[in-house]
């Protein structure tokens, strides 16, 4: 019986967490890549930061897309032993070396005032791990599944 009560309290806490604004748990230190940056720089940033995705910005630092580790995996699949074209055209990776050639546009974004519930729903619907937080086309932060999970764990420890 007490486990049911604890579960109910946990679910209530999660419900309250979902009502919080994204700005309350987002990371404000965001590593971005320039759209004309090199693919090699992207690969180096994956190794350096261990991030799953990077927002891509133009020369005015406005978000124009996102590039992820999945894009790197697609490159391996496209140019792999079988030589099959999968999901993308081979030329998009090989014809240019810029991030612009492989980034996803438009990037799925969220605002600092949106709720954590909305962020979680977007991540689930789009199958993504993180969402750039944007105001007036400029990145103010990023929220990831990890941020939300850590907040849930923190809630559990507080109970």
C-alpha atoms as a PDB file:
ATOM      1  CA  UNK A   1       0.000   0.000   0.000  1.00  0.00           C
ATOM      2  CA  UNK A   2       2.779   2.463   0.863  1.00  0.00           C
ATOM      3  CA  UNK A   3       4.407   1.798  -2.529  1.00  0.00           C
ATOM      4  CA  UNK A   4       1.190   2.913  -4.217  1.00  0.00           C
ATOM      5  CA  UNK A   5       1.176   6.092  -2.166  1.00  0.00           C
ATOM      6  CA  UNK A   6       4.830   6.730  -3.030  1.00  0.00           C
ATOM      7  CA  UNK A   7       4.103   6.124  -6.711  1.00  0.00           C
ATOM      8  CA  UNK A   8       1.183   8.545  -6.562  1.00  0.00           C
ATOM      9  CA  UNK A   9       3.417  11.178  -4.935  1.00  0.00           C
ATOM     10  CA  UNK A  10       6.053  10.599  -7.598  1.00  0.00           C
ATOM     11  CA  UNK A  11       3.496  10.936 -10.390  1.00  0.00           C
ATOM     12  CA  UNK A  12       2.152  14.116  -8.804  1.00  0.00           C
ATOM     13  CA  UNK A  13       5.703  15.482  -8.606  1.00  0.00           C
ATOM     14  CA  UNK A  14       6.300  14.648 -12.264  1.00  0.00           C
ATOM     15  CA  UNK A  15       3.033  16.354 -13.172  1.00  0.00           C
ATOM     16  CA  UNK A  16       4.234  19.484 -11.369  1.00  0.00           C
ATOM     17  CA  UNK A  17       7.628  19.229 -13.084  1.00  0.00           C
ATOM     18  CA  UNK A  18       5.861  19.166 -16.458  1.00  0.00           C
ATOM     19  CA  UNK A  19       4.279  22.532 -15.692  1.00  0.00           C
ATOM     20  CA  UNK A  20       7.665  24.216 -15.163  1.00  0.00           C
ATOM     21  CA  UNK A  21       9.113  26.397 -17.894  1.00  0.00           C
ATOM     22  CA  UNK A  22      11.943  25.071 -20.038  1.00  0.00           C
ATOM     23  CA  UNK A  23      14.145  27.972 -18.868  1.00  0.00           C
ATOM     24  CA  UNK A  24      14.110  26.513 -15.350  1.00  0.00           C
ATOM     25  CA  UNK A  25      16.123  23.417 -16.301  1.00  0.00           C
ATOM     26  CA  UNK A  26      17.692  24.140 -19.720  1.00  0.00           C
ATOM     27  CA  UNK A  27      21.439  24.340 -20.208  1.00  0.00           C
ATOM     28  CA  UNK A  28      22.531  27.851 -21.090  1.00  0.00           C
ATOM     29  CA  UNK A  29      26.010  26.906 -22.263  1.00  0.00           C
ATOM     30  CA  UNK A  30      25.424  25.844 -25.862  1.00  0.00           C
ATOM     31  CA  UNK A  31      28.038  24.820 -28.399  1.00  0.00           C
ATOM     32  CA  UNK A  32      26.916  25.832 -31.871  1.00  0.00           C
ATOM     33  CA  UNK A  33      28.376  25.237 -35.297  1.00  0.00           C
ATOM     34  CA  UNK A  34      28.447  27.684 -38.191  1.00  0.00           C
ATOM     35  CA  UNK A  35      26.523  26.600 -41.280  1.00  0.00           C
ATOM     36  CA  UNK A  36      29.648  27.103 -43.401  1.00  0.00           C
ATOM     37  CA  UNK A  37      31.814  25.247 -40.879  1.00  0.00           C
ATOM     38  CA  UNK A  38      33.557  22.073 -41.929  1.00  0.00           C
ATOM     39  CA  UNK A  39      32.352  18.539 -41.455  1.00  0.00           C
ATOM     40  CA  UNK A  40      35.685  17.820 -39.734  1.00  0.00           C
ATOM     41  CA  UNK A  41      34.908  20.518 -37.129  1.00  0.00           C
ATOM     42  CA  UNK A  42      31.570  18.812 -36.500  1.00  0.00           C
ATOM     43  CA  UNK A  43      33.252  15.443 -35.968  1.00  0.00           C
ATOM     44  CA  UNK A  44      35.846  17.042 -33.658  1.00  0.00           C
ATOM     45  CA  UNK A  45      33.084  18.653 -31.579  1.00  0.00           C
ATOM     46  CA  UNK A  46      31.340  15.294 -31.163  1.00  0.00           C
ATOM     47  CA  UNK A  47      34.551  13.857 -29.731  1.00  0.00           C
ATOM     48  CA  UNK A  48      35.311  16.911 -27.588  1.00  0.00           C
ATOM     49  CA  UNK A  49      31.855  17.525 -26.082  1.00  0.00           C
ATOM     50  CA  UNK A  50      30.129  14.118 -26.365  1.00  0.00           C
ATOM     51  CA  UNK A  51      26.919  15.871 -27.453  1.00  0.00           C
ATOM     52  CA  UNK A  52      24.346  14.152 -29.625  1.00  0.00           C
ATOM     53  CA  UNK A  53      23.475  17.224 -31.695  1.00  0.00           C
ATOM     54  CA  UNK A  54      24.602  20.766 -32.364  1.00  0.00           C
ATOM     55  CA  UNK A  55      22.477  23.745 -33.343  1.00  0.00           C
ATOM     56  CA  UNK A  56      23.707  25.349 -36.566  1.00  0.00           C
ATOM     57  CA  UNK A  57      23.791  29.145 -36.871  1.00  0.00           C
ATOM     58  CA  UNK A  58      24.413  31.627 -39.671  1.00  0.00           C
ATOM     59  CA  UNK A  59      26.803  34.597 -39.584  1.00  0.00           C
ATOM     60  CA  UNK A  60      24.241  36.582 -37.545  1.00  0.00           C
ATOM     61  CA  UNK A  61      24.107  33.744 -34.960  1.00  0.00           C
ATOM     62  CA  UNK A  62      20.507  32.948 -35.896  1.00  0.00           C
ATOM     63  CA  UNK A  63      19.542  29.288 -35.806  1.00  0.00           C
ATOM     64  CA  UNK A  64      19.244  27.811 -39.290  1.00  0.00           C
ATOM     65  CA  UNK A  65      19.346  24.068 -38.605  1.00  0.00           C
ATOM     66  CA  UNK A  66      20.701  21.248 -36.495  1.00  0.00           C
ATOM     67  CA  UNK A  67      23.264  18.526 -37.146  1.00  0.00           C
ATOM     68  CA  UNK A  68      23.454  15.300 -35.153  1.00  0.00           C
ATOM     69  CA  UNK A  69      25.473  12.151 -34.656  1.00  0.00           C
ATOM     70  CA  UNK A  70      22.812  10.426 -36.740  1.00  0.00           C
ATOM     71  CA  UNK A  71      24.020  12.479 -39.705  1.00  0.00           C
ATOM     72  CA  UNK A  72      27.497  11.065 -39.157  1.00  0.00           C
ATOM     73  CA  UNK A  73      26.058   7.537 -39.042  1.00  0.00           C
ATOM     74  CA  UNK A  74      24.235   8.185 -42.313  1.00  0.00           C
ATOM     75  CA  UNK A  75      27.563   9.077 -43.884  1.00  0.00           C
ATOM     76  CA  UNK A  76      28.970   5.717 -42.826  1.00  0.00           C
ATOM     77  CA  UNK A  77      25.899   3.935 -44.202  1.00  0.00           C
ATOM     78  CA  UNK A  78      25.950   5.820 -47.488  1.00  0.00           C
ATOM     79  CA  UNK A  79      29.626   5.246 -48.144  1.00  0.00           C
ATOM     80  CA  UNK A  80      29.808   1.809 -46.483  1.00  0.00           C
ATOM     81  CA  UNK A  81      30.760  -1.500 -48.043  1.00  0.00           C
ATOM     82  CA  UNK A  82      27.338  -2.037 -49.602  1.00  0.00           C
ATOM     83  CA  UNK A  83      27.530   1.418 -51.176  1.00  0.00           C
ATOM     84  CA  UNK A  84      23.758   1.851 -50.882  1.00  0.00           C
ATOM     85  CA  UNK A  85      22.121   5.227 -50.685  1.00  0.00           C
ATOM     86  CA  UNK A  86      20.150   5.325 -47.459  1.00  0.00           C
ATOM     87  CA  UNK A  87      17.810   8.137 -46.451  1.00  0.00           C
ATOM     88  CA  UNK A  88      19.927  10.793 -48.158  1.00  0.00           C
ATOM     89  CA  UNK A  89      21.777  11.300 -51.376  1.00  0.00           C
ATOM     90  CA  UNK A  90      25.464  10.460 -51.283  1.00  0.00           C
ATOM     91  CA  UNK A  91      26.334  13.717 -53.015  1.00  0.00           C
ATOM     92  CA  UNK A  92      25.008  15.765 -50.089  1.00  0.00           C
ATOM     93  CA  UNK A  93      27.862  14.439 -47.977  1.00  0.00           C
ATOM     94  CA  UNK A  94      30.565  14.170 -50.585  1.00  0.00           C
ATOM     95  CA  UNK A  95      29.978  17.187 -52.844  1.00  0.00           C
ATOM     96  CA  UNK A  96      30.503  19.686 -50.042  1.00  0.00           C
ATOM     97  CA  UNK A  97      32.341  19.710 -46.789  1.00  0.00           C
ATOM     98  CA  UNK A  98      30.184  22.258 -45.014  1.00  0.00           C
ATOM     99  CA  UNK A  99      27.750  21.630 -42.196  1.00  0.00           C
ATOM    100  CA  UNK A 100      25.096  23.236 -44.403  1.00  0.00           C
ATOM    101  CA  UNK A 101      25.270  20.219 -46.734  1.00  0.00           C
ATOM    102  CA  UNK A 102      24.163  17.773 -44.021  1.00  0.00           C
ATOM    103  CA  UNK A 103      22.187  19.772 -41.428  1.00  0.00           C
ATOM    104  CA  UNK A 104      18.460  19.352 -40.896  1.00  0.00           C
ATOM    105  CA  UNK A 105      16.339  22.391 -41.621  1.00  0.00           C
ATOM    106  CA  UNK A 106      14.418  23.831 -40.083  1.00  0.00           C
ATOM    107  CA  UNK A 107      15.559  22.870 -36.604  1.00  0.00           C
ATOM    108  CA  UNK A 108      12.858  21.838 -34.166  1.00  0.00           C
ATOM    109  CA  UNK A 109      12.973  24.539 -31.490  1.00  0.00           C
ATOM    110  CA  UNK A 110      11.202  25.612 -28.325  1.00  0.00           C
ATOM    111  CA  UNK A 111      10.990  28.868 -26.348  1.00  0.00           C
ATOM    112  CA  UNK A 112      12.176  29.426 -22.753  1.00  0.00           C
ATOM    113  CA  UNK A 113       8.555  29.980 -21.682  1.00  0.00           C
ATOM    114  CA  UNK A 114       7.308  26.653 -23.061  1.00  0.00           C
ATOM    115  CA  UNK A 115       6.680  23.877 -20.550  1.00  0.00           C
ATOM    116  CA  UNK A 116       8.775  20.820 -19.866  1.00  0.00           C
ATOM    117  CA  UNK A 117       5.691  18.772 -20.839  1.00  0.00           C
ATOM    118  CA  UNK A 118       5.778  20.390 -24.277  1.00  0.00           C
ATOM    119  CA  UNK A 119       9.525  19.744 -24.620  1.00  0.00           C
ATOM    120  CA  UNK A 120       9.119  16.070 -23.689  1.00  0.00           C
ATOM    121  CA  UNK A 121       6.232  15.682 -26.140  1.00  0.00           C
ATOM    122  CA  UNK A 122       8.262  17.240 -28.972  1.00  0.00           C
ATOM    123  CA  UNK A 123      11.255  14.991 -28.207  1.00  0.00           C
ATOM    124  CA  UNK A 124       9.003  11.935 -28.258  1.00  0.00           C
ATOM    125  CA  UNK A 125       7.109  12.912 -31.416  1.00  0.00           C
ATOM    126  CA  UNK A 126      10.259  13.772 -33.388  1.00  0.00           C
ATOM    127  CA  UNK A 127      12.509  11.065 -31.936  1.00  0.00           C
ATOM    128  CA  UNK A 128      15.106  13.633 -30.875  1.00  0.00           C
ATOM    129  CA  UNK A 129      17.334  13.894 -27.810  1.00  0.00           C
ATOM    130  CA  UNK A 130      17.581  17.657 -27.444  1.00  0.00           C
ATOM    131  CA  UNK A 131      15.882  20.869 -28.526  1.00  0.00           C
ATOM    132  CA  UNK A 132      17.495  24.287 -28.986  1.00  0.00           C
ATOM    133  CA  UNK A 133      15.746  26.951 -26.916  1.00  0.00           C
ATOM    134  CA  UNK A 134      15.258  30.020 -29.090  1.00  0.00           C
ATOM    135  CA  UNK A 135      14.072  33.608 -28.761  1.00  0.00           C
ATOM    136  CA  UNK A 136      13.981  35.855 -31.840  1.00  0.00           C
ATOM    137  CA  UNK A 137      15.936  33.280 -33.897  1.00  0.00           C
ATOM    138  CA  UNK A 138      18.821  33.338 -31.359  1.00  0.00           C
ATOM    139  CA  UNK A 139      19.722  30.369 -29.170  1.00  0.00           C
ATOM    140  CA  UNK A 140      19.362  31.041 -25.448  1.00  0.00           C
ATOM    141  CA  UNK A 141      19.827  27.455 -24.308  1.00  0.00           C
ATOM    142  CA  UNK A 142      19.222  23.814 -25.039  1.00  0.00           C
ATOM    143  CA  UNK A 143      17.094  21.226 -23.261  1.00  0.00           C
ATOM    144  CA  UNK A 144      17.802  17.527 -23.498  1.00  0.00           C
ATOM    145  CA  UNK A 145      16.155  14.327 -22.406  1.00  0.00           C
ATOM    146  CA  UNK A 146      19.010  14.067 -19.945  1.00  0.00           C
ATOM    147  CA  UNK A 147      18.048  17.421 -18.360  1.00  0.00           C
ATOM    148  CA  UNK A 148      14.488  16.195 -17.877  1.00  0.00           C
ATOM    149  CA  UNK A 149      15.559  12.786 -16.536  1.00  0.00           C
ATOM    150  CA  UNK A 150      17.975  14.409 -14.049  1.00  0.00           C
ATOM    151  CA  UNK A 151      15.174  16.667 -12.853  1.00  0.00           C
ATOM    152  CA  UNK A 152      12.912  13.633 -12.338  1.00  0.00           C
ATOM    153  CA  UNK A 153      15.688  11.864 -10.400  1.00  0.00           C
ATOM    154  CA  UNK A 154      16.229  14.989  -8.285  1.00  0.00           C
ATOM    155  CA  UNK A 155      12.504  14.973  -7.539  1.00  0.00           C
ATOM    156  CA  UNK A 156      12.689  11.314  -6.451  1.00  0.00           C
ATOM    157  CA  UNK A 157      15.595  11.998  -4.090  1.00  0.00           C
ATOM    158  CA  UNK A 158      13.770  14.934  -2.539  1.00  0.00           C
ATOM    159  CA  UNK A 159      10.752  12.764  -1.674  1.00  0.00           C
END
